[in-house]
């Protein structure tokens, strides 16, 4: 279950937040009673996240062969 703390308490107790994070699992920092940001332990991120991202093609970005072709075209190399 998430633990809620104020931004002021977060600034004052930053060093102790790590231990609280281990116990609570996540901490939501509030400013004027509204959520500002959430802190999650790094271990909760799936270990294969980078593998999944790198294997997902991004159609908006050219592949390496296309980049090479463009560079050669700009340089006038055949």
N, C-alpha and C. Protein backbone atom coordinates (compact mmCIF):
# COMPACT_ATOMS: atom_id res chain seq x y z
N UNK A 1 0.83 -1.17 0.00
CA UNK A 1 0.00 0.00 0.00
C UNK A 1 0.88 1.24 0.00
N UNK A 2 0.49 2.22 -0.77
CA UNK A 2 1.28 3.44 -0.89
C UNK A 2 1.25 4.25 0.39
N UNK A 3 2.34 4.93 0.62
CA UNK A 3 2.42 5.85 1.76
C UNK A 3 2.40 7.26 1.20
N UNK A 4 1.68 8.14 1.83
CA UNK A 4 1.55 9.53 1.38
C UNK A 4 2.29 10.45 2.34
N UNK A 5 3.13 11.33 1.77
CA UNK A 5 3.85 12.31 2.58
C UNK A 5 3.80 13.66 1.87
N UNK A 6 3.98 14.71 2.63
CA UNK A 6 3.99 16.05 2.05
C UNK A 6 5.35 16.32 1.42
N UNK A 7 5.39 17.28 0.50
CA UNK A 7 6.65 17.66 -0.12
C UNK A 7 7.63 18.18 0.93
N UNK A 8 7.12 18.88 1.93
CA UNK A 8 7.97 19.40 3.00
C UNK A 8 8.61 18.25 3.77
N UNK A 9 7.81 17.25 4.14
CA UNK A 9 8.33 16.09 4.85
C UNK A 9 9.34 15.34 3.98
N UNK A 10 9.07 15.25 2.68
CA UNK A 10 10.00 14.59 1.76
C UNK A 10 11.36 15.28 1.78
N UNK A 11 11.36 16.62 1.71
CA UNK A 11 12.62 17.36 1.74
C UNK A 11 13.35 17.17 3.06
N UNK A 12 12.62 17.19 4.17
CA UNK A 12 13.24 17.09 5.49
C UNK A 12 13.77 15.69 5.78
N UNK A 13 13.07 14.68 5.29
CA UNK A 13 13.41 13.30 5.64
C UNK A 13 13.96 12.50 4.46
N UNK A 14 14.53 13.17 3.47
CA UNK A 14 14.97 12.50 2.26
C UNK A 14 15.83 11.27 2.55
N UNK A 15 16.76 11.37 3.48
CA UNK A 15 17.64 10.25 3.79
C UNK A 15 16.88 9.05 4.35
N UNK A 16 15.81 9.29 5.08
CA UNK A 16 15.03 8.21 5.68
C UNK A 16 14.00 7.61 4.72
N UNK A 17 13.76 8.27 3.61
CA UNK A 17 12.73 7.84 2.66
C UNK A 17 13.05 6.45 2.12
N UNK A 18 14.30 6.12 1.96
CA UNK A 18 14.69 4.81 1.41
C UNK A 18 14.13 3.69 2.27
N UNK A 19 14.26 3.79 3.56
CA UNK A 19 13.73 2.75 4.45
C UNK A 19 12.21 2.70 4.38
N UNK A 20 11.57 3.86 4.33
CA UNK A 20 10.12 3.89 4.21
C UNK A 20 9.67 3.25 2.90
N UNK A 21 10.44 3.47 1.85
CA UNK A 21 10.11 2.92 0.54
C UNK A 21 10.18 1.40 0.56
N UNK A 22 11.16 0.86 1.26
CA UNK A 22 11.27 -0.60 1.37
C UNK A 22 10.04 -1.18 2.07
N UNK A 23 9.55 -0.50 3.08
CA UNK A 23 8.39 -1.00 3.83
C UNK A 23 7.08 -0.78 3.07
N UNK A 24 6.90 0.41 2.51
CA UNK A 24 5.62 0.78 1.91
C UNK A 24 5.47 0.28 0.48
N UNK A 25 6.57 0.11 -0.24
CA UNK A 25 6.49 -0.32 -1.62
C UNK A 25 6.41 0.84 -2.60
N UNK A 26 5.75 1.90 -2.22
CA UNK A 26 5.72 3.12 -3.02
C UNK A 26 5.34 4.28 -2.12
N UNK A 27 5.82 5.46 -2.49
CA UNK A 27 5.53 6.67 -1.72
C UNK A 27 5.00 7.73 -2.68
N UNK A 28 3.89 8.34 -2.31
CA UNK A 28 3.31 9.42 -3.10
C UNK A 28 3.58 10.72 -2.35
N UNK A 29 4.22 11.65 -3.03
CA UNK A 29 4.55 12.94 -2.43
C UNK A 29 3.46 13.93 -2.84
N UNK A 30 2.92 14.61 -1.83
CA UNK A 30 1.81 15.54 -2.03
C UNK A 30 2.28 16.98 -1.87
N UNK A 31 1.68 17.87 -2.65
CA UNK A 31 1.90 19.30 -2.48
C UNK A 31 0.52 19.94 -2.46
N UNK A 32 0.22 20.59 -1.34
CA UNK A 32 -1.12 21.18 -1.14
C UNK A 32 -2.21 20.12 -1.32
N UNK A 33 -1.96 18.97 -0.75
CA UNK A 33 -2.90 17.83 -0.74
C UNK A 33 -3.17 17.24 -2.11
N UNK A 34 -2.34 17.56 -3.11
CA UNK A 34 -2.50 16.98 -4.44
C UNK A 34 -1.25 16.18 -4.77
N UNK A 35 -1.40 15.00 -5.39
CA UNK A 35 -0.23 14.20 -5.74
C UNK A 35 0.71 14.97 -6.66
N UNK A 36 1.99 14.98 -6.28
CA UNK A 36 3.01 15.67 -7.06
C UNK A 36 3.82 14.66 -7.87
N UNK A 37 4.29 13.60 -7.20
CA UNK A 37 4.98 12.52 -7.89
C UNK A 37 4.98 11.27 -7.01
N UNK A 38 5.32 10.14 -7.64
CA UNK A 38 5.33 8.85 -6.96
C UNK A 38 6.74 8.29 -7.03
N UNK A 39 7.19 7.70 -5.93
CA UNK A 39 8.50 7.07 -5.87
C UNK A 39 8.28 5.57 -5.79
N UNK A 40 8.93 4.84 -6.70
CA UNK A 40 8.84 3.38 -6.73
C UNK A 40 10.23 2.79 -6.61
N UNK A 41 10.36 1.64 -5.97
CA UNK A 41 11.67 0.99 -5.93
C UNK A 41 12.11 0.57 -7.33
N UNK A 42 13.36 0.69 -7.63
CA UNK A 42 13.88 0.34 -8.94
C UNK A 42 13.65 -1.13 -9.26
N UNK A 43 13.69 -2.01 -8.26
CA UNK A 43 13.53 -3.43 -8.48
C UNK A 43 12.17 -3.80 -9.06
N UNK A 44 11.17 -2.92 -8.93
CA UNK A 44 9.84 -3.24 -9.42
C UNK A 44 9.72 -3.10 -10.92
N UNK A 45 10.70 -2.49 -11.57
CA UNK A 45 10.68 -2.36 -13.01
C UNK A 45 11.02 -3.71 -13.61
N UNK A 46 10.25 -4.19 -14.58
CA UNK A 46 10.53 -5.50 -15.18
C UNK A 46 11.96 -5.56 -15.70
N UNK A 47 12.64 -6.67 -15.43
CA UNK A 47 14.05 -6.79 -15.80
C UNK A 47 14.24 -6.84 -17.31
N UNK A 48 13.22 -7.24 -18.01
CA UNK A 48 13.36 -7.33 -19.47
C UNK A 48 12.84 -6.09 -20.18
N UNK A 49 12.63 -4.99 -19.46
CA UNK A 49 12.07 -3.79 -20.05
C UNK A 49 12.94 -3.28 -21.20
N UNK A 50 14.26 -3.19 -20.98
CA UNK A 50 15.13 -2.71 -22.04
C UNK A 50 15.14 -3.65 -23.23
N UNK A 51 15.08 -4.95 -22.97
CA UNK A 51 15.03 -5.92 -24.07
C UNK A 51 13.77 -5.73 -24.90
N UNK A 52 12.65 -5.51 -24.22
CA UNK A 52 11.39 -5.31 -24.95
C UNK A 52 11.41 -4.02 -25.74
N UNK A 53 12.00 -2.97 -25.18
CA UNK A 53 12.05 -1.70 -25.88
C UNK A 53 12.95 -1.80 -27.11
N UNK A 54 14.10 -2.45 -26.97
CA UNK A 54 15.03 -2.53 -28.09
C UNK A 54 14.50 -3.44 -29.20
N UNK A 55 13.64 -4.38 -28.87
CA UNK A 55 13.10 -5.27 -29.89
C UNK A 55 11.85 -4.72 -30.55
N UNK A 56 11.33 -3.62 -30.03
CA UNK A 56 10.14 -3.00 -30.61
C UNK A 56 10.56 -2.01 -31.67
N UNK A 57 10.19 -2.27 -32.93
CA UNK A 57 10.60 -1.34 -33.99
C UNK A 57 9.90 0.01 -33.85
N UNK A 58 10.65 1.04 -34.15
CA UNK A 58 10.10 2.40 -34.11
C UNK A 58 10.01 2.89 -35.54
N UNK A 59 8.82 2.87 -36.09
CA UNK A 59 8.64 3.23 -37.49
C UNK A 59 8.94 4.70 -37.76
N UNK A 60 8.98 5.51 -36.74
CA UNK A 60 9.26 6.93 -36.95
C UNK A 60 10.76 7.21 -37.10
N UNK A 61 11.60 6.24 -36.77
CA UNK A 61 13.05 6.40 -36.85
C UNK A 61 13.61 5.53 -37.97
N UNK A 62 14.52 6.07 -38.80
CA UNK A 62 15.13 5.25 -39.86
C UNK A 62 16.05 4.19 -39.26
N UNK A 63 16.18 3.05 -39.95
CA UNK A 63 17.10 2.03 -39.48
C UNK A 63 18.53 2.40 -39.90
N UNK A 64 19.51 1.62 -39.46
CA UNK A 64 20.91 1.95 -39.72
C UNK A 64 21.24 1.95 -41.21
N UNK A 65 20.65 1.04 -41.97
CA UNK A 65 20.92 1.01 -43.41
C UNK A 65 20.41 2.28 -44.07
N UNK A 66 19.25 2.75 -43.66
CA UNK A 66 18.69 3.98 -44.21
C UNK A 66 19.57 5.17 -43.84
N UNK A 67 20.06 5.22 -42.62
CA UNK A 67 20.96 6.30 -42.19
C UNK A 67 22.23 6.28 -43.02
N UNK A 68 22.80 5.10 -43.23
CA UNK A 68 24.01 4.96 -44.03
C UNK A 68 23.78 5.44 -45.46
N UNK A 69 22.64 5.07 -46.03
CA UNK A 69 22.32 5.49 -47.39
C UNK A 69 22.23 7.02 -47.47
N UNK A 70 21.59 7.62 -46.49
CA UNK A 70 21.44 9.08 -46.48
C UNK A 70 22.79 9.77 -46.34
N UNK A 71 23.64 9.27 -45.46
CA UNK A 71 24.97 9.87 -45.27
C UNK A 71 25.79 9.78 -46.55
N UNK A 72 25.76 8.62 -47.21
CA UNK A 72 26.50 8.45 -48.46
C UNK A 72 25.95 9.37 -49.54
N UNK A 73 24.65 9.53 -49.56
CA UNK A 73 24.01 10.41 -50.54
C UNK A 73 24.43 11.86 -50.33
N UNK A 74 24.46 12.30 -49.08
CA UNK A 74 24.85 13.66 -48.75
C UNK A 74 26.32 13.90 -49.09
N UNK A 75 27.16 12.92 -48.81
CA UNK A 75 28.59 13.05 -49.10
C UNK A 75 28.91 12.87 -50.57
N UNK A 76 27.97 12.36 -51.32
CA UNK A 76 28.22 12.13 -52.73
C UNK A 76 29.01 10.86 -53.00
N UNK A 77 29.00 9.94 -52.04
CA UNK A 77 29.73 8.67 -52.18
C UNK A 77 28.77 7.63 -52.75
N UNK A 78 29.24 6.85 -53.70
CA UNK A 78 28.40 5.80 -54.29
C UNK A 78 28.76 4.44 -53.76
